[in-house]
Amino acid sequence: MTALRVSFAACLTGIAALGATTPTFNKDVLPVLQKNCQECHRAGEIAPMSLLTYAEARPWAKGIKAAVASRKMPPWFADDGYAHFANDKRLSEADIATLTAWADGGAPEGSPKDKPAPRKFESGWNIKPDMIIEMPKDFHVKAAGTINYQNILVKANFPEDTWVVAAEVRPGNPAVVHHIRLDVRSPGSHWMENAVPGEAYEADDDVMGRNAEGENLLGKYNPGLGAQEFNMDGAAKFIPKGSDVVFNIHYTAIGKEATDRSRVGLVFAKTPPATRYFTANVPLASNMVIPPGDTNAEVVSETTVTTDNVKLVYVQPHMHLRGKDYELRLIYPTGEVQTVFKGKWDFNWQQGFDFARPIAVPKGTRLIGISHFDNSLNNPFNPDAEAEVRWGPQNWDEMSAAFVGVLFPVGTRPLDVFRRSGVSLLKPEPGKAGPTLAAVELAGRK
């Protein structure tokens, strides 16, 4: 991809050399915004301003130039030296040059006849859902204090086995919703079996019980994540007949009372697939330790693939306010080591990354997650630089984990695909950052 791009300076030089007129909004800029920006930059979405029309975009011309020239926008945190991604949001150098020249040339509107047809969006969605499931009543968010994770069972009663090719989880009130995960509760499950539908239960409530059947994550919401698609290689996610769903929501107090009623939209597969798409919360380092004042604490986690015919198609790192960067390595049974993802971490924009091509992970392959954290006063987002930080659900705690999307044959049991291994089984060592790569390498020499 990089080889196909010309340099930013060359683009600008080319425009000048050709004696080209200043780009106009209708002919040159609007197509770029439609393709790359309007999904977020429109009413009701996460971006702070709409860029659907000239009247909306014109006041932001200089800001657009600054954001795209610095590559702050569109946000993209993956290092392209390790893998290519189907959902790569970066602008080409030519598009950056166009937006820059437009701003520098006074941001003209141009002729109305050059304007492309408006991009069509489904009202309230980035997908066209076949089914919408909404919390049956508002959750009331208190003005201040800690709010433990809330779990809300919603009766869906799927009348038949259902395959889902896309899902979009949308908060009713983004100001108070930190994140949402939507899990499938299969029929006959003892998990939340005594829960009253629509009522909220905290994570440690007796009614919750344990999800002994294993997770079946249908969709997620994080700032910047957007809708998720599961149809790579004709795959889909599975919902058994008679299932319900559970909204697991992390709310954050904002200084005034508020309410939320979140929902999810689903797109169904037209025919049952031969391949299942499954999202697993692995690898994770629940035994992590981050010492106080450490500017680059390393934490490593590990999980092992325990069945055949598994392909890796997606990764979404997860950390909190001290997170700096994340790397995912594969150690194959042959001993070969491959880094498939490396990128910066931004707590306020938690992206997921779809690999351009599935990556085969044979049985016995170890997935190694490597996180770095800044627990010093240099980190302006650090809640407490004097604290030794451990795994925990709140923003002032930390996590070192990933959500990975994998494909496997429909007949494979999800519980048979991964097992925690290696450094993730070690006991935490107070005062010492870790587990670390040194522990992984030590284990490999034994």
Protein backbone atom coordinates (compact mmCIF):
# COMPACT_ATOMS: atom_id res chain seq x y z
CA MET A 1 0.00 0.00 0.00
CA THR A 2 2.80 2.41 0.96
CA ALA A 3 4.57 1.80 -2.35
CA LEU A 4 1.48 2.93 -4.22
CA ARG A 5 1.39 6.28 -2.44
CA VAL A 6 3.32 9.31 -3.55
CA SER A 7 4.69 11.66 -0.96
CA PHE A 8 2.60 14.49 0.45
CA ALA A 9 5.10 17.04 -0.85
CA ALA A 10 5.04 15.48 -4.31
CA CYS A 11 1.24 15.74 -4.40
CA LEU A 12 1.36 19.43 -3.61
CA THR A 13 4.17 19.95 -6.12
CA GLY A 14 2.16 18.11 -8.74
CA ILE A 15 -0.87 20.33 -8.20
CA ALA A 16 1.25 23.47 -8.57
CA ALA A 17 3.14 22.14 -11.60
CA LEU A 18 -0.04 21.41 -13.47
CA GLY A 19 -1.34 24.88 -12.74
CA ALA A 20 -4.38 23.28 -11.18
CA THR A 21 -7.04 25.46 -9.65
CA THR A 22 -7.78 25.28 -5.96
CA PRO A 23 -9.77 22.14 -5.08
CA THR A 24 -13.44 22.83 -4.38
CA PHE A 25 -15.63 21.32 -1.72
CA ASN A 26 -18.28 19.88 -4.05
CA LYS A 27 -15.92 18.32 -6.59
CA ASP A 28 -12.84 17.34 -4.58
CA VAL A 29 -13.36 17.52 -0.83
CA LEU A 30 -16.85 16.10 -0.34
CA PRO A 31 -15.99 12.69 -1.89
CA VAL A 32 -13.08 12.37 0.56
CA LEU A 33 -15.28 13.26 3.53
CA GLN A 34 -18.02 10.86 2.42
CA LYS A 35 -15.62 7.95 2.12
CA ASN A 36 -13.51 8.54 5.21
CA CYS A 37 -15.13 10.91 7.70
CA GLN A 38 -18.91 11.13 7.65
CA GLU A 39 -19.53 7.84 9.42
CA CYS A 40 -18.47 9.60 12.63
CA HIS A 41 -18.84 13.27 11.62
CA ARG A 42 -22.62 13.56 11.51
CA ALA A 43 -25.41 14.26 13.98
CA GLY A 44 -25.77 11.66 16.70
CA GLU A 45 -22.32 10.13 16.22
CA ILE A 46 -19.16 10.32 18.29
CA ALA A 47 -17.41 13.20 16.48
CA PRO A 48 -18.00 16.75 17.84
CA MET A 49 -19.07 18.27 14.52
CA SER A 50 -20.93 17.24 11.36
CA LEU A 51 -19.20 17.33 7.97
CA LEU A 52 -22.11 16.40 5.71
CA THR A 53 -22.46 19.77 3.95
CA TYR A 54 -20.36 22.72 2.87
CA ALA A 55 -22.02 24.97 5.46
CA GLU A 56 -21.03 22.52 8.19
CA ALA A 57 -17.48 21.86 6.96
CA ARG A 58 -16.40 25.37 5.90
CA PRO A 59 -15.80 26.76 9.45
CA TRP A 60 -13.53 23.79 10.15
CA ALA A 61 -11.35 24.05 7.02
CA LYS A 62 -8.14 25.01 8.86
CA GLY A 63 -8.84 22.47 11.60
CA ILE A 64 -9.37 19.74 8.99
CA LYS A 65 -6.04 20.63 7.39
CA ALA A 66 -4.20 20.45 10.72
CA ALA A 67 -5.85 17.18 11.73
CA VAL A 68 -5.17 15.32 8.48
CA ALA A 69 -1.65 16.72 7.91
CA SER A 70 -0.64 15.51 11.39
CA ARG A 71 -2.52 12.23 10.81
CA LYS A 72 -4.49 12.83 13.98
CA MET A 73 -7.57 12.20 11.85
CA PRO A 74 -8.84 9.76 10.88
CA PRO A 75 -7.55 8.01 14.03
CA TRP A 76 -5.47 4.93 13.31
CA PHE A 77 -3.07 3.39 15.81
CA ALA A 78 -1.74 0.24 14.13
CA ASP A 79 1.88 0.15 12.96
CA ASP A 80 1.76 -0.88 9.30
CA GLY A 81 5.12 -2.65 9.54
CA TYR A 82 3.55 -5.87 10.78
CA ALA A 83 0.20 -6.51 9.09
CA HIS A 84 -2.38 -5.04 6.73
CA PHE A 85 -5.94 -4.39 7.86
CA ALA A 86 -9.20 -4.41 5.92
CA ASN A 87 -10.54 -1.47 7.94
CA ASP A 88 -7.46 0.76 7.61
CA LYS A 89 -8.89 4.27 7.94
CA ARG A 90 -5.83 6.31 6.96
CA LEU A 91 -6.09 8.87 4.19
CA SER A 92 -3.88 8.59 1.12
CA GLU A 93 -1.24 11.27 0.61
CA ALA A 94 -3.28 12.50 -2.36
CA ASP A 95 -6.39 12.98 -0.20
CA ILE A 96 -4.36 14.84 2.44
CA ALA A 97 -2.94 17.09 -0.26
CA THR A 98 -6.44 17.82 -1.59
CA LEU A 99 -7.82 18.80 1.83
CA THR A 100 -4.75 20.91 2.57
CA ALA A 101 -4.87 22.75 -0.75
CA TRP A 102 -8.59 23.39 -0.29
CA ALA A 103 -8.04 24.97 3.13
CA ASP A 104 -5.05 27.00 1.95
CA GLY A 105 -7.00 28.23 -1.07
CA GLY A 106 -9.82 29.77 0.95
CA ALA A 107 -12.03 26.65 1.10
CA PRO A 108 -14.25 27.40 -1.94
CA GLU A 109 -17.57 25.61 -2.38
CA GLY A 110 -17.48 25.10 -6.15
CA SER A 111 -20.30 24.35 -8.55
CA PRO A 112 -23.40 22.56 -7.25
CA LYS A 113 -23.36 20.32 -10.35
CA ASP A 114 -20.07 18.77 -9.14
CA LYS A 115 -21.59 17.62 -5.87
CA PRO A 116 -21.92 13.81 -5.50
CA ALA A 117 -25.14 12.30 -4.18
CA PRO A 118 -25.31 12.36 -0.37
CA ARG A 119 -24.09 9.26 1.39
CA LYS A 120 -27.09 7.40 2.79
CA PHE A 121 -27.11 6.28 6.41
CA GLU A 122 -29.75 4.16 8.11
CA SER A 123 -31.44 6.40 10.67
CA GLY A 124 -29.58 5.96 13.95
CA TRP A 125 -27.32 3.18 12.63
CA ASN A 126 -24.22 2.50 10.57
CA ILE A 127 -25.77 -0.82 9.50
CA LYS A 128 -29.28 -1.74 8.37
CA PRO A 129 -30.43 -3.99 11.23
CA ASP A 130 -32.80 -6.92 10.76
CA MET A 131 -33.46 -6.90 14.51
CA ILE A 132 -33.09 -4.31 17.26
CA ILE A 133 -32.88 -5.32 20.93
CA GLU A 134 -33.20 -2.52 23.48
CA MET A 135 -33.03 -2.40 27.25
CA PRO A 136 -36.69 -2.39 28.36
CA LYS A 137 -36.25 0.55 30.75
CA ASP A 138 -33.83 3.33 31.63
CA PHE A 139 -30.89 2.78 33.93
CA HIS A 140 -30.43 5.71 36.29
CA VAL A 141 -26.82 6.85 36.62
CA LYS A 142 -25.96 8.66 39.84
CA ALA A 143 -24.19 11.99 39.74
CA ALA A 144 -21.00 10.94 41.54
CA GLY A 145 -19.10 7.98 42.95
CA THR A 146 -18.12 4.56 41.71
CA ILE A 147 -20.63 2.64 39.62
CA ASN A 148 -19.95 -1.08 39.48
CA TYR A 149 -20.50 -2.94 36.22
CA GLN A 150 -24.19 -3.49 35.55
CA ASN A 151 -25.66 -6.64 33.96
CA ILE A 152 -29.12 -6.45 32.42
CA LEU A 153 -30.88 -9.53 31.05
CA VAL A 154 -33.13 -8.79 28.08
CA LYS A 155 -35.55 -11.42 26.79
CA ALA A 156 -35.00 -11.92 23.08
CA ASN A 157 -36.41 -15.46 22.64
CA PHE A 158 -34.85 -16.13 19.27
CA PRO A 159 -37.36 -18.49 17.61
CA GLU A 160 -34.69 -20.49 15.80
CA ASP A 161 -30.94 -20.90 15.58
CA THR A 162 -29.72 -17.56 14.25
CA TRP A 163 -26.53 -16.55 12.47
CA VAL A 164 -25.39 -12.91 12.67
CA VAL A 165 -23.09 -11.25 10.12
CA ALA A 166 -22.97 -7.78 11.71
CA ALA A 167 -23.77 -6.12 15.02
CA GLU A 168 -23.77 -2.54 16.25
CA VAL A 169 -24.08 -1.78 19.96
CA ARG A 170 -25.20 1.79 20.60
CA PRO A 171 -25.33 3.56 23.97
CA GLY A 172 -28.47 5.50 24.71
CA ASN A 173 -26.37 8.13 26.47
CA PRO A 174 -22.71 8.12 25.36
CA ALA A 175 -21.79 10.68 28.01
CA VAL A 176 -22.17 8.10 30.80
CA VAL A 177 -21.42 4.83 28.99
CA HIS A 178 -17.76 3.86 29.13
CA HIS A 179 -18.24 0.55 27.34
CA ILE A 180 -20.77 -2.19 26.64
CA ARG A 181 -20.37 -5.85 25.91
CA LEU A 182 -23.34 -7.86 24.73
CA ASP A 183 -23.33 -11.55 25.61
CA VAL A 184 -25.61 -14.36 24.49
CA ARG A 185 -27.33 -16.28 27.30
CA SER A 186 -28.10 -19.71 25.87
CA PRO A 187 -31.33 -21.56 26.79
CA GLY A 188 -30.92 -23.72 29.88
CA SER A 189 -28.00 -21.67 31.16
CA HIS A 190 -27.81 -21.21 34.92
CA TRP A 191 -26.08 -17.86 34.43
CA MET A 192 -28.52 -15.16 35.64
CA GLU A 193 -31.31 -17.76 35.66
CA ASN A 194 -33.11 -15.96 38.50
CA ALA A 195 -32.62 -12.47 37.09
CA VAL A 196 -35.66 -10.30 36.47
CA PRO A 197 -35.52 -9.15 32.84
CA GLY A 198 -34.69 -5.47 32.57
CA GLU A 199 -33.36 -5.17 36.13
CA ALA A 200 -29.70 -4.25 36.64
CA TYR A 201 -27.44 -6.50 38.72
CA GLU A 202 -23.90 -5.72 39.78
CA ALA A 203 -21.12 -8.08 38.77
CA ASP A 204 -20.82 -9.66 42.23
CA ASP A 205 -24.56 -9.97 42.87
CA ASP A 206 -25.75 -13.43 44.00
CA VAL A 207 -28.27 -13.48 41.15
CA MET A 208 -25.48 -13.31 38.58
CA GLY A 209 -24.06 -16.77 39.11
CA ARG A 210 -21.23 -18.02 36.94
CA ASN A 211 -21.31 -18.30 33.17
CA ALA A 212 -20.04 -21.88 33.21
CA GLU A 213 -21.03 -22.43 29.59
CA GLY A 214 -18.36 -19.95 28.49
CA GLU A 215 -18.67 -16.54 26.90
CA ASN A 216 -20.47 -15.94 23.62
CA LEU A 217 -19.76 -12.30 22.88
CA LEU A 218 -22.15 -10.92 20.28
CA GLY A 219 -20.96 -7.31 20.06
CA LYS A 220 -19.18 -4.47 21.84
CA TYR A 221 -19.28 -0.70 22.22
CA ASN A 222 -16.21 1.39 22.89
CA PRO A 223 -15.55 4.96 21.76
CA GLY A 224 -14.28 4.67 18.20
CA LEU A 225 -15.17 1.02 17.67
CA GLY A 226 -18.34 1.33 15.58
CA ALA A 227 -20.27 -1.53 13.99
CA GLN A 228 -18.61 -4.93 13.72
CA GLU A 229 -18.84 -7.34 10.79
CA PHE A 230 -18.38 -11.10 11.05
CA ASN A 231 -18.78 -12.31 7.48
CA MET A 232 -15.11 -12.77 6.63
CA ASP A 233 -14.78 -15.91 4.49
CA GLY A 234 -18.54 -16.36 4.71
CA ALA A 235 -18.55 -16.73 8.51
CA ALA A 236 -21.12 -15.56 11.08
CA LYS A 237 -21.73 -15.51 14.84
CA PHE A 238 -24.10 -18.06 16.35
CA ILE A 239 -27.13 -17.52 18.60
CA PRO A 240 -28.88 -20.75 19.70
CA LYS A 241 -32.66 -20.97 19.48
CA GLY A 242 -34.34 -19.61 22.62
CA SER A 243 -31.37 -17.48 23.70
CA ASP A 244 -31.57 -14.14 25.47
CA VAL A 245 -28.94 -11.42 25.70
CA VAL A 246 -27.14 -9.71 28.57
CA PHE A 247 -26.01 -6.08 28.42
CA ASN A 248 -22.85 -5.76 30.51
CA ILE A 249 -22.33 -2.00 30.91
CA HIS A 250 -19.68 0.13 32.56
CA TYR A 251 -21.20 3.48 33.50
CA THR A 252 -19.25 6.54 34.62
CA ALA A 253 -20.68 9.35 36.77
CA ILE A 254 -20.43 12.80 35.12
CA GLY A 255 -21.34 15.15 37.97
CA LYS A 256 -25.08 15.14 37.37
CA GLU A 257 -27.76 12.48 37.34
CA ALA A 258 -28.45 10.87 33.98
CA THR A 259 -30.25 7.96 32.36
CA ASP A 260 -29.35 5.45 29.68
CA ARG A 261 -31.24 2.95 27.57
CA SER A 262 -28.81 1.17 25.24
CA ARG A 263 -29.58 -1.13 22.31
CA VAL A 264 -28.06 -3.39 19.68
CA GLY A 265 -28.85 -3.86 16.00
CA LEU A 266 -28.22 -7.21 14.31
CA VAL A 267 -27.90 -8.22 10.66
CA PHE A 268 -28.75 -11.86 9.96
CA ALA A 269 -27.02 -14.25 7.57
CA LYS A 270 -29.21 -15.36 4.70
CA THR A 271 -28.00 -18.98 4.97
CA PRO A 272 -26.25 -20.95 7.75
CA PRO A 273 -22.45 -20.77 7.30
CA ALA A 274 -19.88 -23.55 7.47
CA THR A 275 -17.55 -21.35 9.53
CA ARG A 276 -18.21 -19.72 12.88
CA TYR A 277 -16.85 -16.31 13.89
CA PHE A 278 -16.10 -16.20 17.61
CA THR A 279 -14.78 -13.36 19.79
CA ALA A 280 -12.66 -14.41 22.77
CA ASN A 281 -11.28 -12.20 25.54
CA VAL A 282 -7.72 -13.57 25.28
CA PRO A 283 -4.92 -13.34 26.12
CA LEU A 284 -5.36 -11.54 29.44
CA ALA A 285 -3.08 -10.80 32.39
CA SER A 286 -5.24 -10.89 35.50
CA ASN A 287 -2.00 -11.46 37.46
CA MET A 288 -0.52 -8.13 36.34
CA VAL A 289 1.53 -5.78 38.55
CA ILE A 290 2.46 -2.16 37.69
CA PRO A 291 4.80 -0.55 40.26
CA PRO A 292 4.31 3.08 41.32
CA GLY A 293 6.23 5.63 39.25
CA ASP A 294 7.15 3.18 36.50
CA THR A 295 7.21 4.99 33.14
CA ASN A 296 7.26 1.87 30.96
CA ALA A 297 5.98 -1.10 32.95
CA GLU A 298 5.79 -4.27 30.85
CA VAL A 299 2.95 -6.76 31.29
CA VAL A 300 2.70 -9.96 29.25
CA SER A 301 -0.14 -12.45 28.91
CA GLU A 302 -0.48 -15.76 27.10
CA THR A 303 -3.07 -18.20 25.78
CA THR A 304 -2.64 -21.35 23.69
CA VAL A 305 -4.73 -22.60 20.77
CA THR A 306 -5.91 -26.11 21.64
CA THR A 307 -7.75 -27.26 18.53
CA ASP A 308 -7.25 -27.48 14.78
CA ASN A 309 -8.51 -25.28 11.90
CA VAL A 310 -8.46 -21.94 13.72
CA LYS A 311 -7.81 -18.63 11.92
CA LEU A 312 -7.17 -15.24 13.50
CA VAL A 313 -9.11 -12.39 11.84
CA TYR A 314 -9.38 -9.55 14.40
CA VAL A 315 -7.70 -7.96 17.40
CA GLN A 316 -8.84 -5.21 19.77
CA PRO A 317 -6.41 -4.37 22.59
CA HIS A 318 -7.81 -3.33 25.95
CA MET A 319 -6.16 -1.28 28.69
CA HIS A 320 -7.11 1.69 30.85
CA LEU A 321 -5.68 5.14 31.60
CA ARG A 322 -2.03 4.12 32.04
CA GLY A 323 -1.83 2.11 28.80
CA LYS A 324 0.79 3.13 26.20
CA ASP A 325 1.01 0.44 23.53
CA TYR A 326 0.10 -3.15 22.73
CA GLU A 327 1.68 -5.95 20.71
CA LEU A 328 0.31 -9.38 19.78
CA ARG A 329 2.79 -12.10 18.90
CA LEU A 330 2.23 -15.64 17.70
CA ILE A 331 4.65 -18.37 18.69
CA TYR A 332 3.96 -21.28 16.39
CA PRO A 333 4.55 -24.95 17.33
CA THR A 334 7.64 -24.82 15.10
CA GLY A 335 9.12 -22.11 17.33
CA GLU A 336 8.70 -19.41 14.69
CA VAL A 337 7.69 -16.04 16.18
CA GLN A 338 5.49 -13.57 14.28
CA THR A 339 4.25 -10.15 15.43
CA VAL A 340 0.82 -9.67 13.87
CA PHE A 341 -0.13 -6.42 15.59
CA LYS A 342 1.69 -3.53 17.20
CA GLY A 343 0.23 -0.13 17.91
CA LYS A 344 -0.29 2.77 20.27
CA TRP A 345 -3.08 2.76 22.82
CA ASP A 346 -5.63 5.56 23.23
CA PHE A 347 -8.16 5.11 26.03
CA ASN A 348 -10.53 7.60 24.39
CA TRP A 349 -10.56 5.88 21.00
CA GLN A 350 -10.53 2.10 21.37
CA GLN A 351 -10.30 0.69 17.88
CA GLY A 352 -10.59 -2.86 16.60
CA PHE A 353 -8.48 -4.11 13.70
CA ASP A 354 -9.68 -6.53 10.99
CA PHE A 355 -6.81 -8.40 9.36
CA ALA A 356 -6.85 -8.10 5.57
CA ARG A 357 -6.44 -11.88 5.36
CA PRO A 358 -7.11 -14.59 7.94
CA ILE A 359 -4.00 -15.85 9.73
CA ALA A 360 -3.85 -19.60 10.34
CA VAL A 361 -3.02 -20.43 13.97
CA PRO A 362 -2.31 -24.17 14.19
CA LYS A 363 -3.04 -26.18 17.32
CA GLY A 364 -0.35 -25.42 19.89
CA THR A 365 0.21 -21.82 18.74
CA ARG A 366 0.73 -19.45 21.67
CA LEU A 367 -0.76 -15.94 21.56
CA ILE A 368 1.45 -13.51 23.49
CA GLY A 369 0.03 -10.10 24.45
CA ILE A 370 2.58 -7.42 25.42
CA SER A 371 1.41 -4.17 27.04
CA HIS A 372 3.34 -1.17 28.33
CA PHE A 373 2.06 1.28 30.93
CA ASP A 374 3.07 4.72 32.22
CA ASN A 375 2.32 4.85 35.94
CA SER A 376 4.33 8.02 36.51
CA LEU A 377 3.57 11.69 37.03
CA ASN A 378 4.51 12.21 33.37
CA ASN A 379 1.19 10.64 32.40
CA PRO A 380 -1.46 13.39 32.65
CA PHE A 381 -4.25 10.79 32.73
CA ASN A 382 -2.75 8.79 35.60
CA PRO A 383 -5.24 8.57 38.51
CA ASP A 384 -2.51 7.89 41.11
CA ALA A 385 1.20 7.62 40.34
CA GLU A 386 1.93 6.40 43.88
CA ALA A 387 -0.26 3.31 43.61
CA GLU A 388 0.88 -0.20 42.77
CA VAL A 389 -1.71 -1.09 40.15
CA ARG A 390 -3.39 -4.47 39.73
CA TRP A 391 -6.09 -5.91 37.48
CA GLY A 392 -9.51 -4.38 38.12
CA PRO A 393 -12.67 -3.17 36.40
CA GLN A 394 -12.57 0.55 37.17
CA ASN A 395 -10.68 3.17 35.20
CA TRP A 396 -8.20 3.71 38.07
CA ASP A 397 -7.42 -0.01 37.99
CA GLU A 398 -5.81 -1.55 34.91
CA MET A 399 -6.28 -4.34 32.41
CA SER A 400 -3.90 -5.94 29.95
CA ALA A 401 -5.98 -7.94 27.52
CA ALA A 402 -7.29 -8.26 24.00
CA PHE A 403 -10.45 -9.32 22.24
CA VAL A 404 -9.51 -11.56 19.34
CA GLY A 405 -11.82 -12.69 16.56
CA VAL A 406 -11.24 -16.20 15.24
CA LEU A 407 -12.82 -18.46 12.65
CA PHE A 408 -13.32 -22.19 13.13
CA PRO A 409 -15.64 -24.92 11.79
CA VAL A 410 -19.23 -24.76 13.00
CA GLY A 411 -18.88 -28.10 14.81
CA THR A 412 -16.04 -26.88 17.05
CA ARG A 413 -16.92 -26.08 20.68
CA PRO A 414 -15.70 -22.59 21.65
CA LEU A 415 -14.56 -23.91 25.04
CA ASP A 416 -12.11 -26.18 23.20
CA VAL A 417 -10.32 -23.40 21.29
CA PHE A 418 -8.16 -21.66 23.92
CA ARG A 419 -6.62 -22.29 27.33
CA ARG A 420 -4.65 -19.91 29.53
CA SER A 421 -0.99 -20.83 29.60
CA GLY A 422 2.57 -19.77 30.40
CA VAL A 423 3.05 -16.42 32.11
CA SER A 424 -0.68 -15.90 32.61
CA LEU A 425 -0.55 -18.72 35.20
CA LEU A 426 2.27 -17.19 37.26
CA LYS A 427 1.63 -15.63 40.67
CA PRO A 428 1.92 -11.82 40.77
CA GLU A 429 5.09 -10.46 42.36
CA PRO A 430 4.40 -7.33 44.44
CA GLY A 431 6.73 -4.44 43.63
CA LYS A 432 7.86 -5.99 40.36
CA ALA A 433 6.36 -5.19 36.96
CA GLY A 434 5.08 -8.17 35.13
CA PRO A 435 4.72 -10.83 34.06
CA THR A 436 7.36 -9.87 31.50
CA LEU A 437 8.83 -11.16 28.27
CA ALA A 438 11.82 -12.38 30.25
CA ALA A 439 9.50 -14.93 31.89
CA VAL A 440 8.26 -16.07 28.47
CA GLU A 441 11.81 -16.45 27.20
CA LEU A 442 12.86 -18.28 30.36
CA ALA A 443 9.99 -20.74 29.91
CA GLY A 444 11.05 -21.29 26.29
CA ARG A 445 14.58 -22.26 27.38
CA LYS A 446 13.39 -24.87 29.87
